[in-house]
Amino acid sequence: MKAVVCTRYGPPEVLQIRDLADPVPRGSDVVIRIRATAVTPSDCFIRSGIPASPLPARAMLRLFVGFTKPRRAIPGAVLAGEIETAGKNVTRFRAGDRVWAFTLMRMSCCAERIRLAEKTRLLALAPSNLSHDEAAAIPYAGLLAGHFLAKADIRKGDRVLVYGASGANGTTAVQLAKGLGAHVTAVCSTANLDLVRSLGADEVIDYAREESPGSRRFDVVFDAAGRKKTSALKEACRKALTIGGRVVSVDDGLTWPRRDDIERLKVLVESGRLKPVIDRRYPLEQIADAHRYVELGHKKGNVIVTIGG
């Protein structure tokens, strides 16, 4: 099988395409033919060796990802595809089932095939109304944004601001917050105002033209861009809270989603309450180009890598 291999930290050029042996399922394993994956800021962060972090934080993070090189040579934590073969003890899946998964720190999704245990927590049947490309655009931001919005305890009628509303986390957060009955104000650039409106945003703030939310006040401010992206407008929005208002960020610690969480995403997608947003698609052979584009920090929604036919 063809796979992306990263044997050292560095720029996108460290990513190589290699031919590896096909995985073989054991009794309780499945082998998945991967059709699409997503390149996320987390993928770029890990591949680069986490250079922007202070030394103590970098050392702590490398405990998880590898000190001198990536612990998992094949990057990518999201997949969409179908079950190719199943071990004799597998009961949840059968050959031909369309599935999606978030493999967390196991990574290994930038390849034509992957072997996973049937009991893998975030492996599930994919939504029936999405293509493989579309399905790969949902789990990363869906699980991440969903986790932190749940922490914010959004209630019907809450006024929610989503800062960084046009990225993967932001486009997802706008839809999830609207689904919870919130009045959503989205912050993004001029080029993306129509996009976030189409996802349900009630109001928009153009960060290229405004430095303050004005008289608006919010019950929840969700920072979908992360703490590294700061601006006068972001700080002004963080201060525009109602009494008892909450600020949550995608950088507020690690998340450990449960199987129920990915099943819940499937229900939201199949009911039309959560739609994928895809900016660009790249073939596996152009994985380095996909990483370069994501690192620019201006993508709309998701960047998808297609694998095979």
C-alpha atoms as a PDB file:
ATOM      1  CA  MET A   1       0.000   0.000   0.000  1.00  0.00           C
ATOM      2  CA  LYS A   2       1.006   3.647  -0.436  1.00  0.00           C
ATOM      3  CA  ALA A   3       1.400   5.679   2.726  1.00  0.00           C
ATOM      4  CA  VAL A   4       2.773   9.010   3.870  1.00  0.00           C
ATOM      5  CA  VAL A   5       5.755   8.561   6.173  1.00  0.00           C
ATOM      6  CA  CYS A   6       7.275  11.185   8.458  1.00  0.00           C
ATOM      7  CA  THR A   7      10.538   9.997  10.016  1.00  0.00           C
ATOM      8  CA  ARG A   8      11.735  13.341  11.406  1.00  0.00           C
ATOM      9  CA  TYR A   9      10.356  16.686  12.485  1.00  0.00           C
ATOM     10  CA  GLY A  10      10.526  19.560  10.045  1.00  0.00           C
ATOM     11  CA  PRO A  11       8.790  21.422   7.193  1.00  0.00           C
ATOM     12  CA  PRO A  12       6.256  19.776   4.855  1.00  0.00           C
ATOM     13  CA  GLU A  13       9.111  18.404   2.762  1.00  0.00           C
ATOM     14  CA  VAL A  14       9.827  15.757   5.430  1.00  0.00           C
ATOM     15  CA  LEU A  15       6.643  13.961   4.340  1.00  0.00           C
ATOM     16  CA  GLN A  16       7.410  11.117   1.950  1.00  0.00           C
ATOM     17  CA  ILE A  17       5.259   8.664  -0.017  1.00  0.00           C
ATOM     18  CA  ARG A  18       6.386   5.069   0.455  1.00  0.00           C
ATOM     19  CA  ASP A  19       5.185   1.578  -0.414  1.00  0.00           C
ATOM     20  CA  LEU A  20       4.476  -0.412   2.757  1.00  0.00           C
ATOM     21  CA  ALA A  21       3.102  -3.864   3.430  1.00  0.00           C
ATOM     22  CA  ASP A  22      -0.675  -4.142   3.597  1.00  0.00           C
ATOM     23  CA  PRO A  23      -2.012  -4.664   7.134  1.00  0.00           C
ATOM     24  CA  VAL A  24      -3.564  -8.042   7.944  1.00  0.00           C
ATOM     25  CA  PRO A  25      -6.502  -8.278  10.374  1.00  0.00           C
ATOM     26  CA  ARG A  26      -6.275 -10.364  13.510  1.00  0.00           C
ATOM     27  CA  GLY A  27      -9.300 -11.968  15.158  1.00  0.00           C
ATOM     28  CA  SER A  28     -10.917  -8.797  16.495  1.00  0.00           C
ATOM     29  CA  ASP A  29      -9.508  -6.337  13.944  1.00  0.00           C
ATOM     30  CA  VAL A  30     -10.767  -4.732  10.775  1.00  0.00           C
ATOM     31  CA  VAL A  31      -8.747  -3.462   7.822  1.00  0.00           C
ATOM     32  CA  ILE A  32     -10.157  -0.264   6.377  1.00  0.00           C
ATOM     33  CA  ARG A  33      -9.582   0.911   2.810  1.00  0.00           C
ATOM     34  CA  ILE A  34      -9.127   4.621   3.426  1.00  0.00           C
ATOM     35  CA  ARG A  35     -10.636   6.891   0.783  1.00  0.00           C
ATOM     36  CA  ALA A  36     -10.116  10.305   2.377  1.00  0.00           C
ATOM     37  CA  THR A  37      -8.456  11.993   5.317  1.00  0.00           C
ATOM     38  CA  ALA A  38      -8.145  15.581   6.536  1.00  0.00           C
ATOM     39  CA  VAL A  39      -5.098  17.749   7.174  1.00  0.00           C
ATOM     40  CA  THR A  40      -5.616  19.756  10.348  1.00  0.00           C
ATOM     41  CA  PRO A  41      -3.547  22.382  12.187  1.00  0.00           C
ATOM     42  CA  SER A  42      -2.780  19.652  14.736  1.00  0.00           C
ATOM     43  CA  ASP A  43      -1.188  17.531  11.990  1.00  0.00           C
ATOM     44  CA  CYS A  44       1.049  20.439  10.974  1.00  0.00           C
ATOM     45  CA  PHE A  45       1.858  21.214  14.600  1.00  0.00           C
ATOM     46  CA  ILE A  46       3.011  17.650  15.261  1.00  0.00           C
ATOM     47  CA  ARG A  47       4.912  17.297  11.972  1.00  0.00           C
ATOM     48  CA  SER A  48       6.851  20.502  12.648  1.00  0.00           C
ATOM     49  CA  GLY A  49       8.050  19.238  16.034  1.00  0.00           C
ATOM     50  CA  ILE A  50       6.036  21.843  17.956  1.00  0.00           C
ATOM     51  CA  PRO A  51       8.758  24.520  17.506  1.00  0.00           C
ATOM     52  CA  ALA A  52       6.674  27.515  18.564  1.00  0.00           C
ATOM     53  CA  SER A  53       6.021  26.216  22.075  1.00  0.00           C
ATOM     54  CA  PRO A  54       8.192  27.178  25.074  1.00  0.00           C
ATOM     55  CA  LEU A  55      10.767  24.497  25.893  1.00  0.00           C
ATOM     56  CA  PRO A  56       8.964  23.018  28.959  1.00  0.00           C
ATOM     57  CA  ALA A  57       5.678  22.791  27.048  1.00  0.00           C
ATOM     58  CA  ARG A  58       7.445  21.339  24.023  1.00  0.00           C
ATOM     59  CA  ALA A  59       9.052  18.635  26.147  1.00  0.00           C
ATOM     60  CA  MET A  60       5.704  17.761  27.709  1.00  0.00           C
ATOM     61  CA  LEU A  61       3.984  17.558  24.329  1.00  0.00           C
ATOM     62  CA  ARG A  62       6.750  15.387  22.918  1.00  0.00           C
ATOM     63  CA  LEU A  63       6.047  12.876  25.650  1.00  0.00           C
ATOM     64  CA  PHE A  64       2.911  12.142  23.655  1.00  0.00           C
ATOM     65  CA  VAL A  65       4.140  12.522  20.064  1.00  0.00           C
ATOM     66  CA  GLY A  66       7.811  11.449  20.293  1.00  0.00           C
ATOM     67  CA  PHE A  67      10.975  13.152  21.523  1.00  0.00           C
ATOM     68  CA  THR A  68      13.324  13.013  18.526  1.00  0.00           C
ATOM     69  CA  LYS A  69      10.870  12.044  15.786  1.00  0.00           C
ATOM     70  CA  PRO A  70       7.152  11.323  15.481  1.00  0.00           C
ATOM     71  CA  ARG A  71       6.215   8.212  17.443  1.00  0.00           C
ATOM     72  CA  ARG A  72       3.713   7.351  14.720  1.00  0.00           C
ATOM     73  CA  ALA A  73       5.478   7.470  11.368  1.00  0.00           C
ATOM     74  CA  ILE A  74       2.233   7.692   9.354  1.00  0.00           C
ATOM     75  CA  PRO A  75       0.424  10.980  10.099  1.00  0.00           C
ATOM     76  CA  GLY A  76      -3.275  11.780   9.947  1.00  0.00           C
ATOM     77  CA  ALA A  77      -5.915  11.221  12.601  1.00  0.00           C
ATOM     78  CA  VAL A  78      -9.160  11.241  10.579  1.00  0.00           C
ATOM     79  CA  LEU A  79     -10.397   8.761   7.998  1.00  0.00           C
ATOM     80  CA  ALA A  80     -13.349   7.874   5.853  1.00  0.00           C
ATOM     81  CA  GLY A  81     -13.525   4.660   3.840  1.00  0.00           C
ATOM     82  CA  GLU A  82     -14.923   1.155   3.924  1.00  0.00           C
ATOM     83  CA  ILE A  83     -14.228  -2.092   5.724  1.00  0.00           C
ATOM     84  CA  GLU A  84     -12.107  -4.227   3.398  1.00  0.00           C
ATOM     85  CA  THR A  85     -11.661  -7.295   5.609  1.00  0.00           C
ATOM     86  CA  ALA A  86     -12.695  -8.249   9.122  1.00  0.00           C
ATOM     87  CA  GLY A  87     -11.258 -10.734  11.614  1.00  0.00           C
ATOM     88  CA  LYS A  88     -13.241 -13.839  12.520  1.00  0.00           C
ATOM     89  CA  ASN A  89     -14.309 -12.409  15.890  1.00  0.00           C
ATOM     90  CA  VAL A  90     -15.622  -9.083  14.566  1.00  0.00           C
ATOM     91  CA  THR A  91     -19.349  -8.511  15.090  1.00  0.00           C
ATOM     92  CA  ARG A  92     -19.825  -4.704  14.769  1.00  0.00           C
ATOM     93  CA  PHE A  93     -18.755  -4.441  11.138  1.00  0.00           C
ATOM     94  CA  ARG A  94     -18.646  -6.449   7.946  1.00  0.00           C
ATOM     95  CA  ALA A  95     -16.820  -6.105   4.637  1.00  0.00           C
ATOM     96  CA  GLY A  96     -18.190  -3.212   2.583  1.00  0.00           C
ATOM     97  CA  ASP A  97     -19.455  -1.111   5.513  1.00  0.00           C
ATOM     98  CA  ARG A  98     -18.756   2.601   5.049  1.00  0.00           C
ATOM     99  CA  VAL A  99     -17.023   3.916   8.154  1.00  0.00           C
ATOM    100  CA  TRP A 100     -15.343   6.984   9.567  1.00  0.00           C
ATOM    101  CA  ALA A 101     -12.951   7.318  12.477  1.00  0.00           C
ATOM    102  CA  PHE A 102     -10.847   9.650  14.581  1.00  0.00           C
ATOM    103  CA  THR A 103      -7.729   7.755  15.634  1.00  0.00           C
ATOM    104  CA  LEU A 104      -6.405  10.402  18.060  1.00  0.00           C
ATOM    105  CA  MET A 105      -2.723   9.830  18.914  1.00  0.00           C
ATOM    106  CA  ARG A 106      -2.626   6.531  17.028  1.00  0.00           C
ATOM    107  CA  MET A 107      -2.632   8.625  13.818  1.00  0.00           C
ATOM    108  CA  SER A 108      -1.841   6.451  10.709  1.00  0.00           C
ATOM    109  CA  CYS A 109      -4.654   7.706   8.439  1.00  0.00           C
ATOM    110  CA  CYS A 110      -2.536   9.072   5.559  1.00  0.00           C
ATOM    111  CA  ALA A 111      -2.362   5.657   3.947  1.00  0.00           C
ATOM    112  CA  GLU A 112      -4.369   3.444   1.653  1.00  0.00           C
ATOM    113  CA  ARG A 113      -5.179   1.040   4.482  1.00  0.00           C
ATOM    114  CA  ILE A 114      -5.220   0.862   8.252  1.00  0.00           C
ATOM    115  CA  ARG A 115      -5.823  -1.930  10.754  1.00  0.00           C
ATOM    116  CA  LEU A 116      -7.945  -1.014  13.755  1.00  0.00           C
ATOM    117  CA  ALA A 117      -9.422  -3.016  16.581  1.00  0.00           C
ATOM    118  CA  GLU A 118     -13.165  -3.470  16.277  1.00  0.00           C
ATOM    119  CA  LYS A 119     -13.540  -1.866  19.727  1.00  0.00           C
ATOM    120  CA  THR A 120     -11.710   1.331  18.684  1.00  0.00           C
ATOM    121  CA  ARG A 121     -13.685   4.000  20.493  1.00  0.00           C
ATOM    122  CA  LEU A 122     -14.085   6.507  17.658  1.00  0.00           C
ATOM    123  CA  LEU A 123     -14.641   4.058  14.805  1.00  0.00           C
ATOM    124  CA  ALA A 124     -18.244   3.978  13.597  1.00  0.00           C
ATOM    125  CA  LEU A 125     -20.500   3.646  10.584  1.00  0.00           C
ATOM    126  CA  ALA A 126     -20.300   6.815   8.501  1.00  0.00           C
ATOM    127  CA  PRO A 127     -23.316   9.023   7.747  1.00  0.00           C
ATOM    128  CA  SER A 128     -25.287   7.605   4.838  1.00  0.00           C
ATOM    129  CA  ASN A 129     -25.749  10.993   3.149  1.00  0.00           C
ATOM    130  CA  LEU A 130     -22.073  11.961   2.764  1.00  0.00           C
ATOM    131  CA  SER A 131     -19.362  11.061   0.296  1.00  0.00           C
ATOM    132  CA  HIS A 132     -16.033   9.845   1.683  1.00  0.00           C
ATOM    133  CA  ASP A 133     -14.524  13.314   1.185  1.00  0.00           C
ATOM    134  CA  GLU A 134     -17.388  14.949   3.049  1.00  0.00           C
ATOM    135  CA  ALA A 135     -17.303  12.396   5.855  1.00  0.00           C
ATOM    136  CA  ALA A 136     -13.590  13.039   6.426  1.00  0.00           C
ATOM    137  CA  ALA A 137     -14.391  16.723   6.968  1.00  0.00           C
ATOM    138  CA  ILE A 138     -16.563  16.134  10.037  1.00  0.00           C
ATOM    139  CA  PRO A 139     -14.933  14.189  12.921  1.00  0.00           C
ATOM    140  CA  TYR A 140     -11.953  16.384  13.877  1.00  0.00           C
ATOM    141  CA  ALA A 141     -13.763  19.693  14.248  1.00  0.00           C
ATOM    142  CA  GLY A 142     -17.070  18.059  15.113  1.00  0.00           C
ATOM    143  CA  LEU A 143     -15.625  16.327  18.160  1.00  0.00           C
ATOM    144  CA  LEU A 144     -13.361  19.222  19.164  1.00  0.00           C
ATOM    145  CA  ALA A 145     -15.863  22.059  18.803  1.00  0.00           C
ATOM    146  CA  GLY A 146     -18.642  19.901  20.204  1.00  0.00           C
ATOM    147  CA  HIS A 147     -16.615  19.168  23.336  1.00  0.00           C
ATOM    148  CA  PHE A 148     -15.873  22.793  24.155  1.00  0.00           C
ATOM    149  CA  LEU A 149     -19.355  24.036  23.304  1.00  0.00           C
ATOM    150  CA  ALA A 150     -20.687  21.408  25.711  1.00  0.00           C
ATOM    151  CA  LYS A 151     -18.354  22.826  28.381  1.00  0.00           C
ATOM    152  CA  ALA A 152     -19.883  26.240  27.740  1.00  0.00           C
ATOM    153  CA  ASP A 153     -23.332  24.828  28.588  1.00  0.00           C
ATOM    154  CA  ILE A 154     -25.116  26.731  25.815  1.00  0.00           C
ATOM    155  CA  ARG A 155     -28.842  27.121  26.296  1.00  0.00           C
ATOM    156  CA  LYS A 156     -31.625  28.171  23.973  1.00  0.00           C
ATOM    157  CA  GLY A 157     -31.576  31.931  23.511  1.00  0.00           C
ATOM    158  CA  ASP A 158     -27.946  32.395  24.596  1.00  0.00           C
ATOM    159  CA  ARG A 159     -25.999  34.928  22.585  1.00  0.00           C
ATOM    160  CA  VAL A 160     -22.894  33.130  21.335  1.00  0.00           C
ATOM    161  CA  LEU A 161     -19.930  34.664  19.550  1.00  0.00           C
ATOM    162  CA  VAL A 162     -17.693  32.411  17.438  1.00  0.00           C
ATOM    163  CA  TYR A 163     -14.296  33.981  16.797  1.00  0.00           C
ATOM    164  CA  GLY A 164     -12.553  32.443  13.790  1.00  0.00           C
ATOM    165  CA  ALA A 165     -15.842  31.294  12.323  1.00  0.00           C
ATOM    166  CA  SER A 166     -14.629  30.298   8.865  1.00  0.00           C
ATOM    167  CA  GLY A 167     -12.119  27.564   9.774  1.00  0.00           C
ATOM    168  CA  ALA A 168     -12.935  23.923  10.445  1.00  0.00           C
ATOM    169  CA  ASN A 169     -13.683  24.512  14.127  1.00  0.00           C
ATOM    170  CA  GLY A 170     -15.520  27.744  13.457  1.00  0.00           C
ATOM    171  CA  THR A 171     -17.818  26.526  10.676  1.00  0.00           C
ATOM    172  CA  THR A 172     -18.702  23.556  12.857  1.00  0.00           C
ATOM    173  CA  ALA A 173     -19.244  25.682  15.969  1.00  0.00           C
ATOM    174  CA  VAL A 174     -21.597  28.058  14.159  1.00  0.00           C
ATOM    175  CA  GLN A 175     -23.796  25.137  13.101  1.00  0.00           C
ATOM    176  CA  LEU A 176     -23.710  23.380  16.469  1.00  0.00           C
ATOM    177  CA  ALA A 177     -24.508  26.552  18.407  1.00  0.00           C
ATOM    178  CA  LYS A 178     -27.438  27.317  16.093  1.00  0.00           C
ATOM    179  CA  GLY A 179     -28.667  23.768  16.597  1.00  0.00           C
ATOM    180  CA  LEU A 180     -28.721  24.418  20.339  1.00  0.00           C
ATOM    181  CA  GLY A 181     -30.987  27.426  19.804  1.00  0.00           C
ATOM    182  CA  ALA A 182     -28.384  30.148  20.268  1.00  0.00           C
ATOM    183  CA  HIS A 183     -28.241  33.552  18.594  1.00  0.00           C
ATOM    184  CA  VAL A 184     -24.860  33.324  16.824  1.00  0.00           C
ATOM    185  CA  THR A 185     -22.510  36.166  15.951  1.00  0.00           C
ATOM    186  CA  ALA A 186     -19.636  35.049  13.725  1.00  0.00           C
ATOM    187  CA  VAL A 187     -16.264  36.774  13.401  1.00  0.00           C
ATOM    188  CA  CYS A 188     -14.344  36.195  10.176  1.00  0.00           C
ATOM    189  CA  SER A 189     -12.739  38.001   7.245  1.00  0.00           C
ATOM    190  CA  THR A 190     -14.588  39.895   4.519  1.00  0.00           C
ATOM    191  CA  ALA A 191     -14.210  37.030   2.036  1.00  0.00           C
ATOM    192  CA  ASN A 192     -15.999  34.580   4.333  1.00  0.00           C
ATOM    193  CA  LEU A 193     -19.000  36.598   5.512  1.00  0.00           C
ATOM    194  CA  ASP A 194     -21.404  34.939   3.086  1.00  0.00           C
ATOM    195  CA  LEU A 195     -20.090  31.489   4.012  1.00  0.00           C
ATOM    196  CA  VAL A 196     -20.791  31.858   7.725  1.00  0.00           C
ATOM    197  CA  ARG A 197     -24.184  33.428   7.025  1.00  0.00           C
ATOM    198  CA  SER A 198     -25.051  30.391   4.902  1.00  0.00           C
ATOM    199  CA  LEU A 199     -24.256  28.174   7.909  1.00  0.00           C
ATOM    200  CA  GLY A 200     -26.775  30.003  10.077  1.00  0.00           C
ATOM    201  CA  ALA A 201     -24.936  32.931  11.675  1.00  0.00           C
ATOM    202  CA  ASP A 202     -27.422  35.611  12.734  1.00  0.00           C
ATOM    203  CA  GLU A 203     -24.858  38.398  12.716  1.00  0.00           C
ATOM    204  CA  VAL A 204     -21.330  38.774  11.377  1.00  0.00           C
ATOM    205  CA  ILE A 205     -18.351  40.870  12.368  1.00  0.00           C
ATOM    206  CA  ASP A 206     -15.639  41.528   9.795  1.00  0.00           C
ATOM    207  CA  TYR A 207     -12.353  41.433  11.678  1.00  0.00           C
ATOM    208  CA  ALA A 208     -10.646  43.279   8.823  1.00  0.00           C
ATOM    209  CA  ARG A 209     -12.884  46.303   9.370  1.00  0.00           C
ATOM    210  CA  GLU A 210     -14.010  46.254  12.993  1.00  0.00           C
ATOM    211  CA  GLU A 211     -12.028  46.373  16.234  1.00  0.00           C
ATOM    212  CA  SER A 212     -14.951  46.095  18.631  1.00  0.00           C
ATOM    213  CA  PRO A 213     -18.277  44.264  18.892  1.00  0.00           C
ATOM    214  CA  GLY A 214     -19.891  47.622  19.671  1.00  0.00           C
ATOM    215  CA  SER A 215     -22.864  47.379  22.006  1.00  0.00           C
ATOM    216  CA  ARG A 216     -23.219  43.616  21.568  1.00  0.00           C
ATOM    217  CA  ARG A 217     -22.937  41.433  24.662  1.00  0.00           C
ATOM    218  CA  PHE A 218     -22.447  37.662  24.727  1.00  0.00           C
ATOM    219  CA  ASP A 219     -23.285  34.818  27.067  1.00  0.00           C
ATOM    220  CA  VAL A 220     -20.582  32.675  25.464  1.00  0.00           C
ATOM    221  CA  VAL A 221     -17.448  33.582  23.506  1.00  0.00           C
ATOM    222  CA  PHE A 222     -16.024  30.571  21.668  1.00  0.00           C
ATOM    223  CA  ASP A 223     -12.464  31.062  20.419  1.00  0.00           C
ATOM    224  CA  ALA A 224     -12.290  28.700  17.448  1.00  0.00           C
ATOM    225  CA  ALA A 225      -8.987  30.148  16.226  1.00  0.00           C
ATOM    226  CA  GLY A 226      -6.901  29.330  19.302  1.00  0.00           C
ATOM    227  CA  ARG A 227      -4.935  31.529  21.648  1.00  0.00           C
ATOM    228  CA  LYS A 228      -2.011  32.073  19.277  1.00  0.00           C
ATOM    229  CA  LYS A 229      -4.184  34.245  17.034  1.00  0.00           C
ATOM    230  CA  THR A 230      -4.716  37.438  18.979  1.00  0.00           C
ATOM    231  CA  SER A 231      -6.157  40.803  18.008  1.00  0.00           C
ATOM    232  CA  ALA A 232      -7.716  43.887  19.544  1.00  0.00           C
ATOM    233  CA  LEU A 233     -11.096  42.643  18.349  1.00  0.00           C
ATOM    234  CA  LYS A 234     -10.682  39.276  20.038  1.00  0.00           C
ATOM    235  CA  GLU A 235      -9.794  40.907  23.351  1.00  0.00           C
ATOM    236  CA  ALA A 236     -12.730  43.279  23.038  1.00  0.00           C
ATOM    237  CA  CYS A 237     -15.075  40.356  22.379  1.00  0.00           C
ATOM    238  CA  ARG A 238     -13.730  38.450  25.385  1.00  0.00           C
ATOM    239  CA  LYS A 239     -14.570  41.454  27.535  1.00  0.00           C
ATOM    240  CA  ALA A 240     -18.084  41.852  26.088  1.00  0.00           C
ATOM    241  CA  LEU A 241     -19.579  39.173  28.329  1.00  0.00           C
ATOM    242  CA  THR A 242     -22.829  39.299  30.193  1.00  0.00           C
ATOM    243  CA  ILE A 243     -22.744  38.658  33.944  1.00  0.00           C
ATOM    244  CA  GLY A 244     -21.936  34.966  34.299  1.00  0.00           C
ATOM    245  CA  GLY A 245     -20.718  34.787  30.684  1.00  0.00           C
ATOM    246  CA  ARG A 246     -18.250  32.086  29.660  1.00  0.00           C
ATOM    247  CA  VAL A 247     -15.168  32.092  27.415  1.00  0.00           C
ATOM    248  CA  VAL A 248     -14.040  28.775  25.934  1.00  0.00           C
ATOM    249  CA  SER A 249     -11.222  28.059  23.492  1.00  0.00           C
ATOM    250  CA  VAL A 250     -10.129  25.142  21.352  1.00  0.00           C
ATOM    251  CA  ASP A 251      -6.872  25.393  23.308  1.00  0.00           C
ATOM    252  CA  ASP A 252      -8.548  24.620  26.647  1.00  0.00           C
ATOM    253  CA  GLY A 253      -6.812  21.282  27.161  1.00  0.00           C
ATOM    254  CA  LEU A 254      -7.017  17.863  25.551  1.00  0.00           C
ATOM    255  CA  THR A 255     -10.278  16.178  24.638  1.00  0.00           C
ATOM    256  CA  TRP A 256     -11.040  12.464  24.958  1.00  0.00           C
ATOM    257  CA  PRO A 257     -14.281  11.912  23.041  1.00  0.00           C
ATOM    258  CA  ARG A 258     -16.454   8.868  23.612  1.00  0.00           C
ATOM    259  CA  ARG A 259     -18.159   6.581  21.110  1.00  0.00           C
ATOM    260  CA  ASP A 260     -21.438   8.306  21.896  1.00  0.00           C
ATOM    261  CA  ASP A 261     -19.938  11.575  20.638  1.00  0.00           C
ATOM    262  CA  ILE A 262     -19.160  10.305  17.149  1.00  0.00           C
ATOM    263  CA  GLU A 263     -22.536   8.564  16.980  1.00  0.00           C
ATOM    264  CA  ARG A 264     -24.152  11.884  17.895  1.00  0.00           C
ATOM    265  CA  LEU A 265     -22.301  13.581  15.022  1.00  0.00           C
ATOM    266  CA  LYS A 266     -23.730  10.974  12.652  1.00  0.00           C
ATOM    267  CA  VAL A 267     -27.267  11.833  13.769  1.00  0.00           C
ATOM    268  CA  LEU A 268     -26.626  15.559  13.314  1.00  0.00           C
ATOM    269  CA  VAL A 269     -25.237  15.036   9.814  1.00  0.00           C
ATOM    270  CA  GLU A 270     -28.006  12.709   8.652  1.00  0.00           C
ATOM    271  CA  SER A 271     -30.659  15.103   9.951  1.00  0.00           C
ATOM    272  CA  GLY A 272     -29.109  18.008   8.033  1.00  0.00           C
ATOM    273  CA  ARG A 273     -28.129  19.968  11.140  1.00  0.00           C
ATOM    274  CA  LEU A 274     -24.388  19.677  10.477  1.00  0.00           C
ATOM    275  CA  LYS A 275     -22.864  20.024   7.026  1.00  0.00           C
ATOM    276  CA  PRO A 276     -19.239  19.612   5.951  1.00  0.00           C
ATOM    277  CA  VAL A 277     -17.323  22.617   4.638  1.00  0.00           C
ATOM    278  CA  ILE A 278     -14.433  21.780   2.320  1.00  0.00           C
ATOM    279  CA  ASP A 279     -11.961  24.352   1.038  1.00  0.00           C
ATOM    280  CA  ARG A 280      -9.562  22.255  -1.020  1.00  0.00           C
ATOM    281  CA  ARG A 281      -8.881  18.652  -1.967  1.00  0.00           C
ATOM    282  CA  TYR A 282      -5.431  17.212  -2.657  1.00  0.00           C
ATOM    283  CA  PRO A 283      -4.393  13.724  -3.811  1.00  0.00           C
ATOM    284  CA  LEU A 284      -2.195  11.760  -1.416  1.00  0.00           C
ATOM    285  CA  GLU A 285       0.842  12.478  -3.598  1.00  0.00           C
ATOM    286  CA  GLN A 286       0.431  16.197  -2.834  1.00  0.00           C
ATOM    287  CA  ILE A 287       0.333  15.828   0.951  1.00  0.00           C
ATOM    288  CA  ALA A 288       3.174  18.345   1.401  1.00  0.00           C
ATOM    289  CA  ASP A 289       1.195  20.946  -0.564  1.00  0.00           C
ATOM    290  CA  ALA A 290      -1.824  20.288   1.656  1.00  0.00           C
ATOM    291  CA  HIS A 291       0.282  20.901   4.773  1.00  0.00           C
ATOM    292  CA  ARG A 292       1.710  24.115   3.300  1.00  0.00           C
ATOM    293  CA  TYR A 293      -1.774  25.422   2.586  1.00  0.00           C
ATOM    294  CA  VAL A 294      -3.096  24.617   6.051  1.00  0.00           C
ATOM    295  CA  GLU A 295      -0.090  26.338   7.623  1.00  0.00           C
ATOM    296  CA  LEU A 296      -1.020  29.585   5.877  1.00  0.00           C
ATOM    297  CA  GLY A 297      -3.879  29.816   8.373  1.00  0.00           C
ATOM    298  CA  HIS A 298      -6.533  31.036   5.952  1.00  0.00           C
ATOM    299  CA  LYS A 299      -8.448  27.905   5.000  1.00  0.00           C
ATOM    300  CA  LYS A 300     -12.237  27.855   4.852  1.00  0.00           C
ATOM    301  CA  GLY A 301     -13.454  24.795   6.667  1.00  0.00           C
ATOM    302  CA  ASN A 302     -11.432  21.680   5.893  1.00  0.00           C
ATOM    303  CA  VAL A 303      -8.600  20.544   3.659  1.00  0.00           C
ATOM    304  CA  ILE A 304      -9.152  16.989   2.440  1.00  0.00           C
ATOM    305  CA  VAL A 305      -6.668  14.475   1.047  1.00  0.00           C
ATOM    306  CA  THR A 306      -8.175  11.907  -1.283  1.00  0.00           C
ATOM    307  CA  ILE A 307      -6.662   8.441  -1.409  1.00  0.00           C
ATOM    308  CA  GLY A 308      -7.107   6.193  -4.420  1.00  0.00           C
ATOM    309  CA  GLY A 309     -10.209   5.863  -6.547  1.00  0.00           C
END
